[in-house]
């Protein structure tokens, strides 16, 4: 599980030996196996700047569609990357070990905090009703326990909510004492502490000269979906450049959850960089803020949305027809599965 202590103990490496070992022992023989070779094509690689704070924003068609890109950049340019990964991938000891050894950056989210805590307290992920009630309490900073329990009673989930609000415990490594603070206060503080570590790891990756791979959709989907605001918040705060990347064909190479490819061609089209001085200039923010918070989104939401819209339109220009948005059709992962 992604806890506060685990996040604090993660340190990225200037030379990510975990990535190099994985590429050498797994990807090289896998991609070059004579009976099912995998061809990796990067169009316009010169659009990835050699230096600076660079986010690579890529559509997320399948579980492994960043592996061929990482591999090719390493083989061709000795260019290393770090990747944002969801907290849910830390729910297994084995995947936690692999992720932390290969220069990945855990991405805390309020949804993950709620879902993981509820799962620990009541033994199962939250229902939609329970999740929405708790998420609203956090987002709207609601401290009135009696009012929340009354809402829960009307929704038929009083016992669950009462237990979550009133049981002293450690929430992902942060002590919670309901006699001294509200549930929303504890969760807001926990998220803030985790976000401090998340920002630290991004800054560390950039200090090593690594590029950071981000999936701005926030979930896997064959067709491009609406971008979430997290990447724009981080890029604008860090005065970073975003390079749009269109991934085509990886879903055929990785059609299942297996890390062994089926062979085929993956084509990455690299778009023109969105720099703070050019495409992102009108969205720049001179004040300090904490990304991923309701306060930041309330104050600067228009700028986050504007930058995100520009980015997603640029990614769309780099995709084959079958990956473009289609009205009424989606393969997006939704519900509690996004966090567990």
C-alpha atoms as a PDB file:
ATOM      1  CA  UNK A   1       0.000   0.000   0.000  1.00  0.00           C
ATOM      2  CA  UNK A   2       1.165   3.522  -0.737  1.00  0.00           C
ATOM      3  CA  UNK A   3       1.716   4.998   2.706  1.00  0.00           C
ATOM      4  CA  UNK A   4       3.209   8.300   3.781  1.00  0.00           C
ATOM      5  CA  UNK A   5       6.324   6.562   5.113  1.00  0.00           C
ATOM      6  CA  UNK A   6       6.835   4.610   1.890  1.00  0.00           C
ATOM      7  CA  UNK A   7       6.536   7.783  -0.149  1.00  0.00           C
ATOM      8  CA  UNK A   8       9.023   9.587   2.085  1.00  0.00           C
ATOM      9  CA  UNK A   9      11.540   6.772   1.708  1.00  0.00           C
ATOM     10  CA  UNK A  10      11.525   6.679  -2.100  1.00  0.00           C
ATOM     11  CA  UNK A  11      14.646   8.094  -3.723  1.00  0.00           C
ATOM     12  CA  UNK A  12      15.110   8.178  -7.485  1.00  0.00           C
ATOM     13  CA  UNK A  13      18.447   7.251  -9.050  1.00  0.00           C
ATOM     14  CA  UNK A  14      20.546   9.325 -11.464  1.00  0.00           C
ATOM     15  CA  UNK A  15      21.260   6.117 -13.363  1.00  0.00           C
ATOM     16  CA  UNK A  16      18.129   3.961 -13.026  1.00  0.00           C
ATOM     17  CA  UNK A  17      19.696   0.519 -12.868  1.00  0.00           C
ATOM     18  CA  UNK A  18      16.305  -1.128 -12.390  1.00  0.00           C
ATOM     19  CA  UNK A  19      15.235   0.207 -15.790  1.00  0.00           C
ATOM     20  CA  UNK A  20      18.513  -0.837 -17.399  1.00  0.00           C
ATOM     21  CA  UNK A  21      18.301  -4.368 -15.990  1.00  0.00           C
ATOM     22  CA  UNK A  22      14.653  -4.701 -17.087  1.00  0.00           C
ATOM     23  CA  UNK A  23      15.480  -3.416 -20.571  1.00  0.00           C
ATOM     24  CA  UNK A  24      18.502  -5.703 -20.900  1.00  0.00           C
ATOM     25  CA  UNK A  25      17.078  -8.931 -19.475  1.00  0.00           C
ATOM     26  CA  UNK A  26      13.406  -8.630 -20.466  1.00  0.00           C
ATOM     27  CA  UNK A  27      12.780  -6.105 -23.223  1.00  0.00           C
ATOM     28  CA  UNK A  28      15.804  -6.689 -25.447  1.00  0.00           C
ATOM     29  CA  UNK A  29      15.192 -10.434 -25.913  1.00  0.00           C
ATOM     30  CA  UNK A  30      11.430  -9.920 -25.973  1.00  0.00           C
ATOM     31  CA  UNK A  31      11.457  -7.220 -28.657  1.00  0.00           C
ATOM     32  CA  UNK A  32      14.073  -8.988 -30.791  1.00  0.00           C
ATOM     33  CA  UNK A  33      12.787 -12.541 -30.563  1.00  0.00           C
ATOM     34  CA  UNK A  34      13.039 -13.822 -34.176  1.00  0.00           C
ATOM     35  CA  UNK A  35       9.516 -15.241 -34.353  1.00  0.00           C
ATOM     36  CA  UNK A  36       7.662 -12.107 -33.141  1.00  0.00           C
ATOM     37  CA  UNK A  37       9.942  -9.084 -33.261  1.00  0.00           C
ATOM     38  CA  UNK A  38       8.635  -5.734 -32.065  1.00  0.00           C
ATOM     39  CA  UNK A  39       9.434  -2.671 -34.153  1.00  0.00           C
ATOM     40  CA  UNK A  40       9.551   0.678 -32.346  1.00  0.00           C
ATOM     41  CA  UNK A  41       9.369   3.848 -34.430  1.00  0.00           C
ATOM     42  CA  UNK A  42       9.749   7.347 -33.001  1.00  0.00           C
ATOM     43  CA  UNK A  43       8.795  10.098 -35.430  1.00  0.00           C
ATOM     44  CA  UNK A  44      10.329  13.551 -34.890  1.00  0.00           C
ATOM     45  CA  UNK A  45      12.449  12.578 -31.862  1.00  0.00           C
ATOM     46  CA  UNK A  46      14.172  15.953 -32.143  1.00  0.00           C
ATOM     47  CA  UNK A  47      11.042  17.489 -30.607  1.00  0.00           C
ATOM     48  CA  UNK A  48      12.163  16.125 -27.226  1.00  0.00           C
ATOM     49  CA  UNK A  49      14.573  18.761 -25.825  1.00  0.00           C
ATOM     50  CA  UNK A  50      17.886  17.500 -24.525  1.00  0.00           C
ATOM     51  CA  UNK A  51      17.725  19.632 -21.374  1.00  0.00           C
ATOM     52  CA  UNK A  52      15.240  21.390 -19.140  1.00  0.00           C
ATOM     53  CA  UNK A  53      12.206  20.281 -17.173  1.00  0.00           C
ATOM     54  CA  UNK A  54      10.385  18.078 -19.660  1.00  0.00           C
ATOM     55  CA  UNK A  55       7.109  16.178 -19.235  1.00  0.00           C
ATOM     56  CA  UNK A  56       6.272  13.641 -21.949  1.00  0.00           C
ATOM     57  CA  UNK A  57       2.456  13.507 -22.164  1.00  0.00           C
ATOM     58  CA  UNK A  58       1.229  10.303 -23.808  1.00  0.00           C
ATOM     59  CA  UNK A  59      -2.160   8.686 -24.447  1.00  0.00           C
ATOM     60  CA  UNK A  60      -2.662   5.518 -22.375  1.00  0.00           C
ATOM     61  CA  UNK A  61      -3.974   2.729 -24.605  1.00  0.00           C
ATOM     62  CA  UNK A  62      -2.730  -0.254 -22.576  1.00  0.00           C
ATOM     63  CA  UNK A  63      -0.853  -1.210 -19.439  1.00  0.00           C
ATOM     64  CA  UNK A  64       2.654  -1.152 -20.948  1.00  0.00           C
ATOM     65  CA  UNK A  65       2.538   1.424 -23.727  1.00  0.00           C
ATOM     66  CA  UNK A  66       5.313   3.512 -22.180  1.00  0.00           C
ATOM     67  CA  UNK A  67       7.821   0.611 -22.100  1.00  0.00           C
ATOM     68  CA  UNK A  68       8.712   0.676 -25.832  1.00  0.00           C
ATOM     69  CA  UNK A  69       9.178   4.454 -25.646  1.00  0.00           C
ATOM     70  CA  UNK A  70      11.468   4.210 -22.619  1.00  0.00           C
ATOM     71  CA  UNK A  71      13.409   1.403 -24.271  1.00  0.00           C
ATOM     72  CA  UNK A  72      13.917   3.231 -27.564  1.00  0.00           C
ATOM     73  CA  UNK A  73      14.953   6.501 -25.906  1.00  0.00           C
ATOM     74  CA  UNK A  74      17.485   4.610 -23.803  1.00  0.00           C
ATOM     75  CA  UNK A  75      18.910   2.639 -26.742  1.00  0.00           C
ATOM     76  CA  UNK A  76      19.066   5.581 -29.156  1.00  0.00           C
ATOM     77  CA  UNK A  77      19.917   8.513 -26.886  1.00  0.00           C
ATOM     78  CA  UNK A  78      20.821   7.110 -23.444  1.00  0.00           C
ATOM     79  CA  UNK A  79      17.892   9.199 -22.230  1.00  0.00           C
ATOM     80  CA  UNK A  80      16.330   8.125 -18.942  1.00  0.00           C
ATOM     81  CA  UNK A  81      12.793   8.691 -17.750  1.00  0.00           C
ATOM     82  CA  UNK A  82      10.639   8.582 -14.649  1.00  0.00           C
ATOM     83  CA  UNK A  83       6.926   7.786 -14.876  1.00  0.00           C
ATOM     84  CA  UNK A  84       3.909   8.812 -12.826  1.00  0.00           C
ATOM     85  CA  UNK A  85       2.154   5.693 -11.553  1.00  0.00           C
ATOM     86  CA  UNK A  86      -1.068   5.336  -9.590  1.00  0.00           C
ATOM     87  CA  UNK A  87      -1.092   4.498  -5.901  1.00  0.00           C
ATOM     88  CA  UNK A  88      -3.060   1.290  -6.545  1.00  0.00           C
ATOM     89  CA  UNK A  89       0.037  -0.372  -8.001  1.00  0.00           C
ATOM     90  CA  UNK A  90       1.585  -0.269  -4.537  1.00  0.00           C
ATOM     91  CA  UNK A  91      -1.036  -2.629  -3.109  1.00  0.00           C
ATOM     92  CA  UNK A  92       1.224  -5.605  -3.891  1.00  0.00           C
ATOM     93  CA  UNK A  93       4.638  -6.083  -2.295  1.00  0.00           C
ATOM     94  CA  UNK A  94       6.066  -7.477  -5.538  1.00  0.00           C
ATOM     95  CA  UNK A  95       4.916  -4.611  -7.745  1.00  0.00           C
ATOM     96  CA  UNK A  96       5.977  -2.097  -5.079  1.00  0.00           C
ATOM     97  CA  UNK A  97       9.515  -3.488  -5.197  1.00  0.00           C
ATOM     98  CA  UNK A  98       9.591  -3.360  -8.996  1.00  0.00           C
ATOM     99  CA  UNK A  99       8.095   0.121  -9.252  1.00  0.00           C
ATOM    100  CA  UNK A 100      10.400   1.688  -6.671  1.00  0.00           C
ATOM    101  CA  UNK A 101      13.470   0.120  -8.290  1.00  0.00           C
ATOM    102  CA  UNK A 102      12.679   1.449 -11.765  1.00  0.00           C
ATOM    103  CA  UNK A 103      12.419   5.187 -11.066  1.00  0.00           C
ATOM    104  CA  UNK A 104       8.647   5.512 -10.988  1.00  0.00           C
ATOM    105  CA  UNK A 105       6.891   8.318  -9.115  1.00  0.00           C
ATOM    106  CA  UNK A 106       3.774   7.415  -7.075  1.00  0.00           C
ATOM    107  CA  UNK A 107       0.892   9.779  -7.744  1.00  0.00           C
ATOM    108  CA  UNK A 108      -1.255  10.358  -4.639  1.00  0.00           C
ATOM    109  CA  UNK A 109      -4.919  11.142  -5.195  1.00  0.00           C
ATOM    110  CA  UNK A 110      -7.791  11.883  -2.877  1.00  0.00           C
ATOM    111  CA  UNK A 111      -9.655   9.013  -4.500  1.00  0.00           C
ATOM    112  CA  UNK A 112      -6.887   6.573  -3.643  1.00  0.00           C
ATOM    113  CA  UNK A 113      -6.693   7.801  -0.040  1.00  0.00           C
ATOM    114  CA  UNK A 114     -10.431   7.415   0.470  1.00  0.00           C
ATOM    115  CA  UNK A 115     -10.680   4.036  -1.238  1.00  0.00           C
ATOM    116  CA  UNK A 116      -7.680   2.532   0.556  1.00  0.00           C
ATOM    117  CA  UNK A 117      -8.779   3.790   3.970  1.00  0.00           C
ATOM    118  CA  UNK A 118     -12.358   2.564   3.544  1.00  0.00           C
ATOM    119  CA  UNK A 119     -11.073  -0.815   2.398  1.00  0.00           C
ATOM    120  CA  UNK A 120      -8.964  -1.071   5.550  1.00  0.00           C
ATOM    121  CA  UNK A 121     -11.775   0.007   7.894  1.00  0.00           C
ATOM    122  CA  UNK A 122     -14.750  -1.937   6.535  1.00  0.00           C
ATOM    123  CA  UNK A 123     -12.969  -4.656   4.570  1.00  0.00           C
ATOM    124  CA  UNK A 124     -14.144  -3.678   1.093  1.00  0.00           C
ATOM    125  CA  UNK A 125     -13.908  -0.760  -1.348  1.00  0.00           C
ATOM    126  CA  UNK A 126     -16.533   1.975  -0.959  1.00  0.00           C
ATOM    127  CA  UNK A 127     -19.818   1.919  -2.822  1.00  0.00           C
ATOM    128  CA  UNK A 128     -20.521   4.861  -5.094  1.00  0.00           C
ATOM    129  CA  UNK A 129     -22.767   6.429  -2.423  1.00  0.00           C
ATOM    130  CA  UNK A 130     -20.146   6.053   0.299  1.00  0.00           C
ATOM    131  CA  UNK A 131     -17.340   7.340  -1.892  1.00  0.00           C
ATOM    132  CA  UNK A 132     -19.281  10.417  -2.988  1.00  0.00           C
ATOM    133  CA  UNK A 133     -20.248  11.322   0.579  1.00  0.00           C
ATOM    134  CA  UNK A 134     -16.655  11.080   1.839  1.00  0.00           C
ATOM    135  CA  UNK A 135     -15.214  12.817  -1.214  1.00  0.00           C
ATOM    136  CA  UNK A 136     -17.657  15.704  -0.823  1.00  0.00           C
ATOM    137  CA  UNK A 137     -16.767  16.003   2.879  1.00  0.00           C
ATOM    138  CA  UNK A 138     -13.098  16.359   1.932  1.00  0.00           C
ATOM    139  CA  UNK A 139     -13.553  18.611  -1.107  1.00  0.00           C
ATOM    140  CA  UNK A 140     -15.984  20.933   0.695  1.00  0.00           C
ATOM    141  CA  UNK A 141     -14.044  20.756   3.978  1.00  0.00           C
ATOM    142  CA  UNK A 142     -17.078  19.590   5.986  1.00  0.00           C
ATOM    143  CA  UNK A 143     -16.332  19.115   9.697  1.00  0.00           C
ATOM    144  CA  UNK A 144     -19.851  18.528  11.035  1.00  0.00           C
ATOM    145  CA  UNK A 145     -19.806  14.831  11.937  1.00  0.00           C
ATOM    146  CA  UNK A 146     -23.472  14.728  12.909  1.00  0.00           C
ATOM    147  CA  UNK A 147     -24.517  16.229   9.585  1.00  0.00           C
ATOM    148  CA  UNK A 148     -22.490  13.651   7.679  1.00  0.00           C
ATOM    149  CA  UNK A 149     -23.938  10.793   9.703  1.00  0.00           C
ATOM    150  CA  UNK A 150     -27.436  12.127   9.036  1.00  0.00           C
ATOM    151  CA  UNK A 151     -26.729  12.156   5.294  1.00  0.00           C
ATOM    152  CA  UNK A 152     -25.354   8.633   5.589  1.00  0.00           C
ATOM    153  CA  UNK A 153     -28.500   7.459   7.371  1.00  0.00           C
ATOM    154  CA  UNK A 154     -30.661   8.825   4.575  1.00  0.00           C
ATOM    155  CA  UNK A 155     -28.486   6.918   2.082  1.00  0.00           C
ATOM    156  CA  UNK A 156     -28.616   3.703   4.109  1.00  0.00           C
ATOM    157  CA  UNK A 157     -24.890   3.683   4.938  1.00  0.00           C
ATOM    158  CA  UNK A 158     -24.891   5.074   8.485  1.00  0.00           C
ATOM    159  CA  UNK A 159     -22.948   2.221  10.121  1.00  0.00           C
ATOM    160  CA  UNK A 160     -20.140   2.430   7.591  1.00  0.00           C
ATOM    161  CA  UNK A 161     -19.806   6.199   7.744  1.00  0.00           C
ATOM    162  CA  UNK A 162     -19.968   6.272  11.543  1.00  0.00           C
ATOM    163  CA  UNK A 163     -17.149   3.744  11.755  1.00  0.00           C
ATOM    164  CA  UNK A 164     -15.007   5.673   9.279  1.00  0.00           C
ATOM    165  CA  UNK A 165     -15.561   8.996  11.040  1.00  0.00           C
ATOM    166  CA  UNK A 166     -15.235   7.770  14.628  1.00  0.00           C
ATOM    167  CA  UNK A 167     -12.617   4.990  14.638  1.00  0.00           C
ATOM    168  CA  UNK A 168      -9.115   6.130  15.741  1.00  0.00           C
ATOM    169  CA  UNK A 169      -6.447   4.679  13.471  1.00  0.00           C
ATOM    170  CA  UNK A 170      -3.493   5.320  11.202  1.00  0.00           C
ATOM    171  CA  UNK A 171      -4.653   6.456   7.765  1.00  0.00           C
ATOM    172  CA  UNK A 172      -1.881   5.396   5.383  1.00  0.00           C
ATOM    173  CA  UNK A 173       0.746   6.284   7.980  1.00  0.00           C
ATOM    174  CA  UNK A 174      -0.856   9.413   9.429  1.00  0.00           C
ATOM    175  CA  UNK A 175      -2.468   9.125  12.880  1.00  0.00           C
ATOM    176  CA  UNK A 176      -6.162  10.015  13.030  1.00  0.00           C
ATOM    177  CA  UNK A 177      -7.756  10.931  16.367  1.00  0.00           C
ATOM    178  CA  UNK A 178     -11.444  11.809  15.852  1.00  0.00           C
ATOM    179  CA  UNK A 179     -11.586  13.440  19.299  1.00  0.00           C
ATOM    180  CA  UNK A 180      -9.131  16.113  18.127  1.00  0.00           C
ATOM    181  CA  UNK A 181      -9.914  16.628  14.445  1.00  0.00           C
ATOM    182  CA  UNK A 182     -12.470  15.920  11.776  1.00  0.00           C
ATOM    183  CA  UNK A 183     -12.113  13.239   9.134  1.00  0.00           C
ATOM    184  CA  UNK A 184     -11.806  15.866   6.398  1.00  0.00           C
ATOM    185  CA  UNK A 185      -9.049  17.714   8.302  1.00  0.00           C
ATOM    186  CA  UNK A 186      -7.053  14.495   8.645  1.00  0.00           C
ATOM    187  CA  UNK A 187      -7.460  13.549   4.991  1.00  0.00           C
ATOM    188  CA  UNK A 188      -6.643  17.032   3.693  1.00  0.00           C
ATOM    189  CA  UNK A 189      -3.487  17.100   5.816  1.00  0.00           C
ATOM    190  CA  UNK A 190      -2.487  13.590   4.710  1.00  0.00           C
ATOM    191  CA  UNK A 191      -2.959  14.514   1.056  1.00  0.00           C
ATOM    192  CA  UNK A 192      -0.903  17.687   1.528  1.00  0.00           C
ATOM    193  CA  UNK A 193       1.954  15.739   3.145  1.00  0.00           C
ATOM    194  CA  UNK A 194       1.912  13.184   0.338  1.00  0.00           C
ATOM    195  CA  UNK A 195       1.802  15.911  -2.294  1.00  0.00           C
ATOM    196  CA  UNK A 196       4.926  17.498  -0.772  1.00  0.00           C
ATOM    197  CA  UNK A 197       6.730  14.197  -1.365  1.00  0.00           C
ATOM    198  CA  UNK A 198       5.313  13.888  -4.875  1.00  0.00           C
ATOM    199  CA  UNK A 199       6.637  17.346  -5.777  1.00  0.00           C
ATOM    200  CA  UNK A 200      10.006  16.447  -4.232  1.00  0.00           C
ATOM    201  CA  UNK A 201      10.308  13.364  -6.444  1.00  0.00           C
ATOM    202  CA  UNK A 202       9.420  15.308  -9.592  1.00  0.00           C
ATOM    203  CA  UNK A 203      12.044  17.902  -8.745  1.00  0.00           C
ATOM    204  CA  UNK A 204      14.556  15.135  -8.070  1.00  0.00           C
ATOM    205  CA  UNK A 205      13.867  13.525 -11.465  1.00  0.00           C
ATOM    206  CA  UNK A 206      14.404  16.843 -13.229  1.00  0.00           C
ATOM    207  CA  UNK A 207      17.604  17.501 -11.270  1.00  0.00           C
ATOM    208  CA  UNK A 208      19.008  14.248 -12.730  1.00  0.00           C
ATOM    209  CA  UNK A 209      18.052  15.330 -16.240  1.00  0.00           C
ATOM    210  CA  UNK A 210      15.318  12.687 -16.554  1.00  0.00           C
ATOM    211  CA  UNK A 211      12.187  13.262 -18.620  1.00  0.00           C
ATOM    212  CA  UNK A 212       8.929  12.478 -16.813  1.00  0.00           C
ATOM    213  CA  UNK A 213       6.284  10.384 -18.574  1.00  0.00           C
ATOM    214  CA  UNK A 214       2.685  11.250 -17.689  1.00  0.00           C
ATOM    215  CA  UNK A 215      -0.653   9.898 -18.903  1.00  0.00           C
ATOM    216  CA  UNK A 216      -2.849  13.023 -18.791  1.00  0.00           C
ATOM    217  CA  UNK A 217      -6.082  11.021 -19.199  1.00  0.00           C
ATOM    218  CA  UNK A 218      -5.469   9.530 -15.759  1.00  0.00           C
ATOM    219  CA  UNK A 219      -6.702   6.095 -16.857  1.00  0.00           C
ATOM    220  CA  UNK A 220      -6.352   3.580 -19.679  1.00  0.00           C
ATOM    221  CA  UNK A 221      -8.573   3.970 -22.728  1.00  0.00           C
ATOM    222  CA  UNK A 222      -8.144   2.831 -26.327  1.00  0.00           C
ATOM    223  CA  UNK A 223      -9.776   6.039 -27.544  1.00  0.00           C
ATOM    224  CA  UNK A 224      -8.479   9.348 -26.273  1.00  0.00           C
ATOM    225  CA  UNK A 225     -10.548  10.712 -23.387  1.00  0.00           C
ATOM    226  CA  UNK A 226     -10.756  14.091 -21.711  1.00  0.00           C
ATOM    227  CA  UNK A 227      -7.512  15.082 -20.019  1.00  0.00           C
ATOM    228  CA  UNK A 228      -7.384  15.550 -16.269  1.00  0.00           C
ATOM    229  CA  UNK A 229      -5.893  18.714 -14.827  1.00  0.00           C
ATOM    230  CA  UNK A 230      -3.006  17.236 -12.809  1.00  0.00           C
ATOM    231  CA  UNK A 231      -0.255  17.523 -15.413  1.00  0.00           C
ATOM    232  CA  UNK A 232      -1.127  21.124 -16.227  1.00  0.00           C
ATOM    233  CA  UNK A 233      -1.038  21.979 -12.519  1.00  0.00           C
ATOM    234  CA  UNK A 234       2.424  20.469 -12.108  1.00  0.00           C
ATOM    235  CA  UNK A 235       3.869  21.864 -15.332  1.00  0.00           C
ATOM    236  CA  UNK A 236       2.666  25.392 -14.622  1.00  0.00           C
ATOM    237  CA  UNK A 237       3.902  25.252 -11.029  1.00  0.00           C
ATOM    238  CA  UNK A 238       7.339  23.945 -12.066  1.00  0.00           C
ATOM    239  CA  UNK A 239       7.658  26.182 -15.146  1.00  0.00           C
ATOM    240  CA  UNK A 240       8.150  23.027 -17.208  1.00  0.00           C
ATOM    241  CA  UNK A 241       7.704  22.122 -20.861  1.00  0.00           C
ATOM    242  CA  UNK A 242       5.160  19.515 -21.973  1.00  0.00           C
ATOM    243  CA  UNK A 243       5.892  17.420 -25.067  1.00  0.00           C
ATOM    244  CA  UNK A 244       2.776  15.738 -26.531  1.00  0.00           C
ATOM    245  CA  UNK A 245       3.263  12.115 -27.630  1.00  0.00           C
ATOM    246  CA  UNK A 246       0.830  10.047 -29.685  1.00  0.00           C
ATOM    247  CA  UNK A 247       1.177   6.293 -29.161  1.00  0.00           C
ATOM    248  CA  UNK A 248      -0.156   4.081 -31.966  1.00  0.00           C
ATOM    249  CA  UNK A 249      -0.103   0.281 -32.080  1.00  0.00           C
ATOM    250  CA  UNK A 250       0.967  -0.600 -28.564  1.00  0.00           C
ATOM    251  CA  UNK A 251      -2.430  -2.095 -27.732  1.00  0.00           C
ATOM    252  CA  UNK A 252      -1.794  -4.725 -30.433  1.00  0.00           C
ATOM    253  CA  UNK A 253       1.674  -5.435 -29.059  1.00  0.00           C
ATOM    254  CA  UNK A 254       0.364  -5.621 -25.473  1.00  0.00           C
ATOM    255  CA  UNK A 255      -3.246  -6.849 -25.840  1.00  0.00           C
ATOM    256  CA  UNK A 256      -3.439  -8.225 -22.284  1.00  0.00           C
ATOM    257  CA  UNK A 257      -1.960  -7.612 -18.840  1.00  0.00           C
ATOM    258  CA  UNK A 258       1.075  -9.743 -19.701  1.00  0.00           C
ATOM    259  CA  UNK A 259       4.422  -7.870 -19.796  1.00  0.00           C
ATOM    260  CA  UNK A 260       5.513 -10.126 -22.672  1.00  0.00           C
ATOM    261  CA  UNK A 261       4.815  -8.473 -26.016  1.00  0.00           C
ATOM    262  CA  UNK A 262       3.035 -10.207 -28.892  1.00  0.00           C
ATOM    263  CA  UNK A 263       5.173  -8.511 -31.544  1.00  0.00           C
ATOM    264  CA  UNK A 264       4.217  -5.860 -34.049  1.00  0.00           C
ATOM    265  CA  UNK A 265       4.872  -2.163 -34.571  1.00  0.00           C
ATOM    266  CA  UNK A 266       4.555   0.673 -32.062  1.00  0.00           C
ATOM    267  CA  UNK A 267       4.706   4.144 -33.544  1.00  0.00           C
ATOM    268  CA  UNK A 268       5.257   7.220 -31.379  1.00  0.00           C
ATOM    269  CA  UNK A 269       4.675  10.604 -32.961  1.00  0.00           C
ATOM    270  CA  UNK A 270       6.378  13.402 -31.020  1.00  0.00           C
ATOM    271  CA  UNK A 271       4.680  16.776 -31.239  1.00  0.00           C
ATOM    272  CA  UNK A 272       6.130  20.238 -30.903  1.00  0.00           C
ATOM    273  CA  UNK A 273       6.959  21.125 -27.268  1.00  0.00           C
ATOM    274  CA  UNK A 274       4.499  23.264 -25.325  1.00  0.00           C
ATOM    275  CA  UNK A 275       6.844  25.675 -23.588  1.00  0.00           C
ATOM    276  CA  UNK A 276       6.215  28.228 -20.813  1.00  0.00           C
ATOM    277  CA  UNK A 277       7.351  30.957 -23.215  1.00  0.00           C
ATOM    278  CA  UNK A 278       5.127  29.931 -26.130  1.00  0.00           C
ATOM    279  CA  UNK A 279       2.093  27.604 -26.087  1.00  0.00           C
ATOM    280  CA  UNK A 280       1.732  27.732 -22.291  1.00  0.00           C
ATOM    281  CA  UNK A 281       2.520  31.434 -21.870  1.00  0.00           C
ATOM    282  CA  UNK A 282      -1.080  32.607 -21.452  1.00  0.00           C
ATOM    283  CA  UNK A 283      -1.660  30.055 -18.681  1.00  0.00           C
ATOM    284  CA  UNK A 284       1.340  30.904 -16.478  1.00  0.00           C
ATOM    285  CA  UNK A 285       0.658  31.584 -12.782  1.00  0.00           C
ATOM    286  CA  UNK A 286       2.861  33.891 -10.717  1.00  0.00           C
ATOM    287  CA  UNK A 287       1.558  32.754  -7.318  1.00  0.00           C
ATOM    288  CA  UNK A 288       2.577  29.644  -5.396  1.00  0.00           C
ATOM    289  CA  UNK A 289      -0.005  26.864  -4.979  1.00  0.00           C
ATOM    290  CA  UNK A 290      -0.291  23.183  -4.090  1.00  0.00           C
ATOM    291  CA  UNK A 291      -1.215  21.074  -7.136  1.00  0.00           C
ATOM    292  CA  UNK A 292      -4.161  18.656  -7.065  1.00  0.00           C
ATOM    293  CA  UNK A 293      -6.014  20.601  -4.373  1.00  0.00           C
ATOM    294  CA  UNK A 294      -9.524  22.048  -4.450  1.00  0.00           C
ATOM    295  CA  UNK A 295      -8.083  25.442  -3.511  1.00  0.00           C
ATOM    296  CA  UNK A 296      -5.749  25.491  -6.516  1.00  0.00           C
ATOM    297  CA  UNK A 297      -8.469  24.346  -8.893  1.00  0.00           C
ATOM    298  CA  UNK A 298     -10.899  26.941  -7.533  1.00  0.00           C
ATOM    299  CA  UNK A 299      -8.403  29.782  -8.028  1.00  0.00           C
ATOM    300  CA  UNK A 300      -6.725  28.734 -11.260  1.00  0.00           C
ATOM    301  CA  UNK A 301      -9.072  26.163 -12.761  1.00  0.00           C
ATOM    302  CA  UNK A 302      -9.567  28.114 -15.987  1.00  0.00           C
ATOM    303  CA  UNK A 303      -5.827  28.176 -16.639  1.00  0.00           C
ATOM    304  CA  UNK A 304      -5.417  24.488 -15.806  1.00  0.00           C
ATOM    305  CA  UNK A 305      -8.289  23.626 -18.131  1.00  0.00           C
ATOM    306  CA  UNK A 306      -6.986  25.850 -20.915  1.00  0.00           C
ATOM    307  CA  UNK A 307      -3.527  24.288 -20.828  1.00  0.00           C
ATOM    308  CA  UNK A 308      -5.048  20.799 -20.676  1.00  0.00           C
ATOM    309  CA  UNK A 309      -7.300  21.472 -23.661  1.00  0.00           C
ATOM    310  CA  UNK A 310      -4.338  22.654 -25.736  1.00  0.00           C
ATOM    311  CA  UNK A 311      -2.339  19.566 -24.763  1.00  0.00           C
ATOM    312  CA  UNK A 312      -5.104  17.064 -25.533  1.00  0.00           C
ATOM    313  CA  UNK A 313      -5.790  18.633 -28.923  1.00  0.00           C
ATOM    314  CA  UNK A 314      -2.077  18.333 -29.741  1.00  0.00           C
ATOM    315  CA  UNK A 315      -2.040  14.650 -28.712  1.00  0.00           C
ATOM    316  CA  UNK A 316      -5.123  14.001 -30.858  1.00  0.00           C
ATOM    317  CA  UNK A 317      -3.265  15.353 -33.889  1.00  0.00           C
ATOM    318  CA  UNK A 318      -0.632  12.631 -33.400  1.00  0.00           C
ATOM    319  CA  UNK A 319      -3.018   9.644 -33.302  1.00  0.00           C
ATOM    320  CA  UNK A 320      -4.365   7.258 -35.888  1.00  0.00           C
ATOM    321  CA  UNK A 321      -8.120   7.411 -36.471  1.00  0.00           C
ATOM    322  CA  UNK A 322      -8.986   4.428 -34.261  1.00  0.00           C
ATOM    323  CA  UNK A 323      -7.556   6.156 -31.181  1.00  0.00           C
ATOM    324  CA  UNK A 324      -9.481   9.394 -31.573  1.00  0.00           C
ATOM    325  CA  UNK A 325     -12.490  10.218 -29.345  1.00  0.00           C
ATOM    326  CA  UNK A 326     -15.812   8.799 -30.489  1.00  0.00           C
ATOM    327  CA  UNK A 327     -19.205   9.995 -29.207  1.00  0.00           C
ATOM    328  CA  UNK A 328     -20.886   7.438 -26.972  1.00  0.00           C
ATOM    329  CA  UNK A 329     -17.957   4.998 -27.071  1.00  0.00           C
ATOM    330  CA  UNK A 330     -15.364   4.576 -24.341  1.00  0.00           C
ATOM    331  CA  UNK A 331     -13.036   1.953 -22.916  1.00  0.00           C
ATOM    332  CA  UNK A 332     -12.153   4.161 -19.964  1.00  0.00           C
ATOM    333  CA  UNK A 333     -11.569   2.480 -16.593  1.00  0.00           C
ATOM    334  CA  UNK A 334     -14.106   3.914 -14.134  1.00  0.00           C
ATOM    335  CA  UNK A 335     -15.378   3.441 -10.564  1.00  0.00           C
ATOM    336  CA  UNK A 336     -13.386   2.062  -7.638  1.00  0.00           C
ATOM    337  CA  UNK A 337     -11.222   0.059 -10.082  1.00  0.00           C
ATOM    338  CA  UNK A 338      -9.372   3.319 -10.771  1.00  0.00           C
ATOM    339  CA  UNK A 339      -7.969   3.213  -7.247  1.00  0.00           C
ATOM    340  CA  UNK A 340      -7.762  -0.465  -6.269  1.00  0.00           C
END
